[in-house]
Protein backbone atom coordinates (compact mmCIF):
# COMPACT_ATOMS: atom_id res chain seq x y z
CA UNK A 1 14.33 -11.41 -10.75
CA UNK A 2 12.23 -9.05 -12.82
CA UNK A 3 12.56 -5.36 -12.17
CA UNK A 4 9.23 -4.71 -13.83
CA UNK A 5 6.94 -2.62 -11.70
CA UNK A 6 3.51 -1.54 -12.81
CA UNK A 7 3.62 1.45 -10.48
CA UNK A 8 5.11 4.38 -12.37
CA UNK A 9 4.98 6.76 -9.40
CA UNK A 10 8.53 8.02 -8.79
CA UNK A 11 7.86 8.06 -5.05
CA UNK A 12 7.54 4.27 -4.86
CA UNK A 13 11.11 3.76 -3.66
CA UNK A 14 10.72 6.28 -0.85
CA UNK A 15 7.42 4.70 0.13
CA UNK A 16 8.94 1.22 0.09
CA UNK A 17 11.83 2.37 2.29
CA UNK A 18 9.35 3.83 4.76
CA UNK A 19 7.28 0.64 4.78
CA UNK A 20 10.40 -1.43 5.48
CA UNK A 21 11.55 0.97 8.19
CA UNK A 22 8.18 0.97 9.95
CA UNK A 23 7.43 -2.75 9.63
CA UNK A 24 10.91 -4.16 10.04
CA UNK A 25 10.32 -6.13 6.83
CA UNK A 26 12.57 -6.24 3.80
CA UNK A 27 10.19 -5.83 0.89
CA UNK A 28 12.11 -5.63 -2.38
CA UNK A 29 9.51 -4.17 -4.69
CA UNK A 30 6.45 -2.03 -4.19
CA UNK A 31 3.56 -2.98 -6.43
CA UNK A 32 0.13 -1.51 -6.32
CA UNK A 33 -2.63 -2.89 -8.41
CA UNK A 34 -6.36 -3.28 -8.25
CA UNK A 35 -7.96 -6.64 -7.55
CA UNK A 36 -11.60 -6.48 -6.60
CA UNK A 37 -11.15 -2.84 -5.62
CA UNK A 38 -8.46 -3.75 -3.09
CA UNK A 39 -5.28 -1.71 -3.27
CA UNK A 40 -2.47 -4.10 -2.44
CA UNK A 41 1.20 -3.90 -1.63
CA UNK A 42 3.21 -6.95 -2.58
CA UNK A 43 6.66 -8.34 -1.93
CA UNK A 44 8.05 -9.60 -5.24
CA UNK A 45 9.61 -12.59 -3.48
CA UNK A 46 6.20 -14.07 -2.72
CA UNK A 47 3.83 -15.83 -5.05
CA UNK A 48 1.85 -12.60 -5.17
CA UNK A 49 -1.07 -13.93 -3.20
CA UNK A 50 -0.20 -15.24 0.23
CA UNK A 51 1.61 -12.17 1.50
CA UNK A 52 -0.37 -9.45 -0.18
CA UNK A 53 -1.13 -6.73 2.31
CA UNK A 54 -4.48 -5.07 2.06
CA UNK A 55 -4.34 -1.35 2.48
CA UNK A 56 -6.22 -1.45 5.77
CA UNK A 57 -3.90 -4.10 7.17
CA UNK A 58 -0.84 -2.14 6.14
CA UNK A 59 -2.21 1.02 7.69
CA UNK A 60 -2.98 -0.74 10.96
CA UNK A 61 0.44 -2.38 11.05
CA UNK A 62 2.28 0.85 10.32
CA UNK A 63 0.47 3.45 12.34
CA UNK A 64 -2.91 2.16 13.38
CA UNK A 65 -4.58 5.55 13.55
CA UNK A 66 -4.89 6.68 9.94
CA UNK A 67 -8.43 6.93 8.70
CA UNK A 68 -9.20 7.13 5.01
CA UNK A 69 -12.65 8.45 4.39
CA UNK A 70 -14.94 8.28 1.42
CA UNK A 71 -17.97 10.57 1.33
CA UNK A 72 -17.43 11.33 5.00
CA UNK A 73 -17.63 7.68 6.04
CA UNK A 74 -14.72 5.58 7.17
CA UNK A 75 -13.83 2.82 4.74
CA UNK A 76 -12.66 0.21 7.19
CA UNK A 77 -12.92 -2.85 4.99
CA UNK A 78 -12.27 -1.77 1.44
CA UNK A 79 -10.46 1.04 -0.27
CA UNK A 80 -11.77 1.66 -3.75
CA UNK A 81 -8.76 2.40 -5.93
CA UNK A 82 -10.72 4.77 -8.17
CA UNK A 83 -11.50 6.98 -5.18
CA UNK A 84 -8.20 6.46 -3.42
CA UNK A 85 -6.26 9.65 -2.72
CA UNK A 86 -2.65 8.56 -3.23
CA UNK A 87 -1.21 11.93 -2.27
CA UNK A 88 -2.98 11.89 1.09
CA UNK A 89 -1.81 8.35 1.73
CA UNK A 90 1.81 9.16 0.85
CA UNK A 91 1.62 12.28 3.01
CA UNK A 92 0.98 10.09 6.05
CA UNK A 93 4.52 8.79 5.75
CA UNK A 94 6.30 12.11 5.25
């Protein structure tokens, strides 16, 4: 199994552990990449499509009350990666 991970953020392992703890899942690798402006989190044991979790779905599953805003408006359906505040998102799990 490839260890390659296109996320070079050193906090990925901590974030993955937190995701597993909060969801009861056993995700092996944390990937984040942009597809159509969707930030996705993927289990490397899947085919990379079926079990992708959209950011909003992950947020709802984990805590349900986090709101990520863009220009003062809630972005309920899409999170644009270019405007995505990673530090604020990580902080939600600290």
